[in-house]
N, C-alpha and C. Protein backbone atom coordinates (compact mmCIF):
# COMPACT_ATOMS: atom_id res chain seq x y z
N UNK A 1 3.59 41.75 -12.95
CA UNK A 1 2.53 40.81 -13.18
C UNK A 1 2.83 39.50 -12.48
N UNK A 2 1.83 38.97 -11.89
CA UNK A 2 1.99 37.68 -11.22
C UNK A 2 1.05 36.67 -11.85
N UNK A 3 1.52 35.45 -11.87
CA UNK A 3 0.70 34.36 -12.39
C UNK A 3 0.13 33.59 -11.22
N UNK A 4 -1.12 33.28 -11.33
CA UNK A 4 -1.74 32.44 -10.31
C UNK A 4 -1.76 31.01 -10.81
N UNK A 5 -1.33 30.11 -9.96
CA UNK A 5 -1.36 28.70 -10.35
C UNK A 5 -2.65 28.09 -9.83
N UNK A 6 -3.31 27.41 -10.68
CA UNK A 6 -4.56 26.75 -10.33
C UNK A 6 -4.29 25.26 -10.22
N UNK A 7 -4.66 24.72 -9.07
CA UNK A 7 -4.45 23.29 -8.85
C UNK A 7 -5.42 22.50 -9.73
N UNK A 8 -4.88 21.56 -10.45
CA UNK A 8 -5.69 20.73 -11.33
C UNK A 8 -6.33 19.61 -10.50
N UNK A 9 -7.63 19.51 -10.59
CA UNK A 9 -8.34 18.46 -9.86
C UNK A 9 -8.21 17.14 -10.59
N UNK A 10 -8.01 16.11 -9.84
CA UNK A 10 -7.88 14.79 -10.43
C UNK A 10 -9.26 14.16 -10.61
N UNK A 11 -9.40 13.37 -11.65
CA UNK A 11 -10.66 12.66 -11.89
C UNK A 11 -10.72 11.33 -11.16
N UNK A 12 -9.66 10.98 -10.45
CA UNK A 12 -9.61 9.72 -9.73
C UNK A 12 -10.55 9.78 -8.53
N UNK A 13 -11.22 8.67 -8.21
CA UNK A 13 -12.04 8.64 -6.99
C UNK A 13 -11.17 8.81 -5.75
N UNK A 14 -11.77 9.35 -4.72
CA UNK A 14 -11.01 9.63 -3.51
C UNK A 14 -10.43 8.36 -2.87
N UNK A 15 -11.14 7.23 -2.99
CA UNK A 15 -10.64 5.98 -2.39
C UNK A 15 -9.44 5.40 -3.13
N UNK A 16 -9.22 5.82 -4.37
CA UNK A 16 -8.10 5.29 -5.15
C UNK A 16 -6.91 6.25 -5.18
N UNK A 17 -6.83 7.15 -4.25
CA UNK A 17 -5.68 8.05 -4.18
C UNK A 17 -4.52 7.34 -3.49
N UNK A 18 -3.35 7.88 -3.68
CA UNK A 18 -2.13 7.20 -3.23
C UNK A 18 -1.99 7.10 -1.71
N UNK A 19 -2.30 8.14 -0.97
CA UNK A 19 -1.99 8.18 0.46
C UNK A 19 -2.55 7.03 1.26
N UNK A 20 -3.86 6.81 1.18
CA UNK A 20 -4.49 5.77 1.98
C UNK A 20 -4.09 4.37 1.50
N UNK A 21 -3.97 4.18 0.20
CA UNK A 21 -3.63 2.85 -0.31
C UNK A 21 -2.18 2.48 -0.02
N UNK A 22 -1.28 3.47 0.01
CA UNK A 22 0.11 3.17 0.41
C UNK A 22 0.16 2.75 1.87
N UNK A 23 -0.66 3.37 2.70
CA UNK A 23 -0.71 2.98 4.10
C UNK A 23 -1.23 1.56 4.25
N UNK A 24 -2.25 1.20 3.49
CA UNK A 24 -2.79 -0.15 3.55
C UNK A 24 -1.75 -1.16 3.07
N UNK A 25 -1.03 -0.84 2.00
CA UNK A 25 0.00 -1.74 1.49
C UNK A 25 1.11 -1.93 2.52
N UNK A 26 1.48 -0.86 3.20
CA UNK A 26 2.51 -0.96 4.24
C UNK A 26 2.02 -1.82 5.40
N UNK A 27 0.75 -1.70 5.75
CA UNK A 27 0.20 -2.55 6.81
C UNK A 27 0.17 -4.01 6.41
N UNK A 28 -0.11 -4.30 5.14
CA UNK A 28 -0.10 -5.69 4.66
C UNK A 28 1.32 -6.25 4.73
N UNK A 29 2.31 -5.46 4.37
CA UNK A 29 3.71 -5.91 4.48
C UNK A 29 4.06 -6.17 5.94
N UNK A 30 3.65 -5.29 6.82
CA UNK A 30 3.90 -5.47 8.25
C UNK A 30 3.20 -6.71 8.80
N UNK A 31 1.98 -6.97 8.34
CA UNK A 31 1.26 -8.17 8.76
C UNK A 31 2.00 -9.43 8.32
N UNK A 32 2.50 -9.42 7.10
CA UNK A 32 3.29 -10.57 6.63
C UNK A 32 4.56 -10.76 7.44
N UNK A 33 5.17 -9.67 7.84
CA UNK A 33 6.37 -9.74 8.67
C UNK A 33 6.05 -10.35 10.03
N UNK A 34 4.93 -9.91 10.63
CA UNK A 34 4.52 -10.48 11.92
C UNK A 34 4.16 -11.95 11.78
N UNK A 35 3.53 -12.32 10.68
CA UNK A 35 3.19 -13.72 10.44
C UNK A 35 4.45 -14.57 10.32
N UNK A 36 5.51 -14.00 9.79
CA UNK A 36 6.76 -14.74 9.60
C UNK A 36 7.43 -15.05 10.93
N UNK A 37 7.32 -14.14 11.90
CA UNK A 37 8.07 -14.29 13.15
C UNK A 37 7.22 -14.71 14.34
N UNK A 38 6.01 -15.23 14.10
CA UNK A 38 5.22 -15.73 15.21
C UNK A 38 5.51 -17.22 15.38
N UNK A 39 5.54 -17.71 16.61
CA UNK A 39 5.94 -19.12 16.82
C UNK A 39 4.78 -20.10 17.01
N UNK A 40 3.52 -19.68 16.76
CA UNK A 40 2.40 -20.52 17.17
C UNK A 40 1.74 -21.30 16.05
N UNK A 41 1.49 -20.69 14.92
CA UNK A 41 0.67 -21.34 13.89
C UNK A 41 1.48 -21.51 12.60
N UNK A 42 1.60 -22.75 12.17
CA UNK A 42 2.33 -23.05 10.94
C UNK A 42 1.64 -22.49 9.69
N UNK A 43 0.30 -22.50 9.60
CA UNK A 43 -0.33 -21.89 8.40
C UNK A 43 -0.03 -20.39 8.26
N UNK A 44 0.05 -19.67 9.36
CA UNK A 44 0.40 -18.26 9.28
C UNK A 44 1.83 -18.09 8.75
N UNK A 45 2.73 -18.93 9.23
CA UNK A 45 4.10 -18.88 8.75
C UNK A 45 4.16 -19.23 7.26
N UNK A 46 3.36 -20.20 6.85
CA UNK A 46 3.37 -20.63 5.46
C UNK A 46 2.88 -19.54 4.51
N UNK A 47 1.93 -18.74 4.94
CA UNK A 47 1.36 -17.69 4.09
C UNK A 47 2.06 -16.35 4.25
N UNK A 48 3.07 -16.27 5.10
CA UNK A 48 3.70 -14.97 5.36
C UNK A 48 4.41 -14.41 4.13
N UNK A 49 5.11 -15.26 3.39
CA UNK A 49 5.83 -14.76 2.21
C UNK A 49 4.86 -14.26 1.15
N UNK A 50 3.76 -15.00 0.95
CA UNK A 50 2.76 -14.58 -0.04
C UNK A 50 2.14 -13.24 0.38
N UNK A 51 1.90 -13.06 1.67
CA UNK A 51 1.33 -11.81 2.17
C UNK A 51 2.29 -10.65 1.96
N UNK A 52 3.56 -10.85 2.28
CA UNK A 52 4.53 -9.77 2.07
C UNK A 52 4.71 -9.48 0.58
N UNK A 53 4.69 -10.50 -0.24
CA UNK A 53 4.81 -10.30 -1.68
C UNK A 53 3.62 -9.52 -2.24
N UNK A 54 2.42 -9.85 -1.78
CA UNK A 54 1.22 -9.13 -2.22
C UNK A 54 1.27 -7.67 -1.77
N UNK A 55 1.71 -7.42 -0.54
CA UNK A 55 1.83 -6.05 -0.05
C UNK A 55 2.87 -5.26 -0.83
N UNK A 56 3.97 -5.90 -1.17
CA UNK A 56 5.01 -5.22 -1.94
C UNK A 56 4.53 -4.89 -3.35
N UNK A 57 3.86 -5.84 -3.99
CA UNK A 57 3.32 -5.59 -5.33
C UNK A 57 2.27 -4.49 -5.29
N UNK A 58 1.43 -4.51 -4.26
CA UNK A 58 0.42 -3.47 -4.11
C UNK A 58 1.07 -2.11 -3.93
N UNK A 59 2.13 -2.05 -3.12
CA UNK A 59 2.82 -0.78 -2.89
C UNK A 59 3.43 -0.24 -4.18
N UNK A 60 4.02 -1.12 -4.97
CA UNK A 60 4.64 -0.70 -6.23
C UNK A 60 3.59 -0.16 -7.20
N UNK A 61 2.45 -0.84 -7.28
CA UNK A 61 1.39 -0.39 -8.18
C UNK A 61 0.76 0.91 -7.69
N UNK A 62 0.48 0.99 -6.39
CA UNK A 62 -0.19 2.17 -5.83
C UNK A 62 0.70 3.39 -5.87
N UNK A 63 2.01 3.21 -5.83
CA UNK A 63 2.90 4.36 -5.84
C UNK A 63 2.85 5.11 -7.17
N UNK A 64 2.25 4.51 -8.19
CA UNK A 64 2.09 5.18 -9.49
C UNK A 64 0.81 6.00 -9.57
N UNK A 65 -0.09 5.84 -8.60
CA UNK A 65 -1.37 6.56 -8.60
C UNK A 65 -1.15 8.04 -8.29
N UNK A 66 -2.06 8.91 -8.71
CA UNK A 66 -1.94 10.33 -8.37
C UNK A 66 -2.27 10.57 -6.90
N UNK A 67 -1.78 11.68 -6.38
CA UNK A 67 -2.05 12.01 -4.98
C UNK A 67 -3.42 12.58 -4.79
C-alpha cells in the first residue's frame, strides 16, 4: 500500500508569499548599501542606514511567511 501526499494549499494571497517579498527585501538592502558607498549626494548617504535597516527588518518578517 502506498500513501499519496496531498499538497496543502495556502490561504495566503499570492503577493504575500515568501519568494517575491524576500527578493524585494534583498533589493532594498542592496539599495541601502549602494546609497552608503556613493560619493555624490549627502542625503542618500544620510538615509542609507535607515534603508538597510528597513530592508533587514522586512527580510526577517517576510522569512516567517509561508512559501
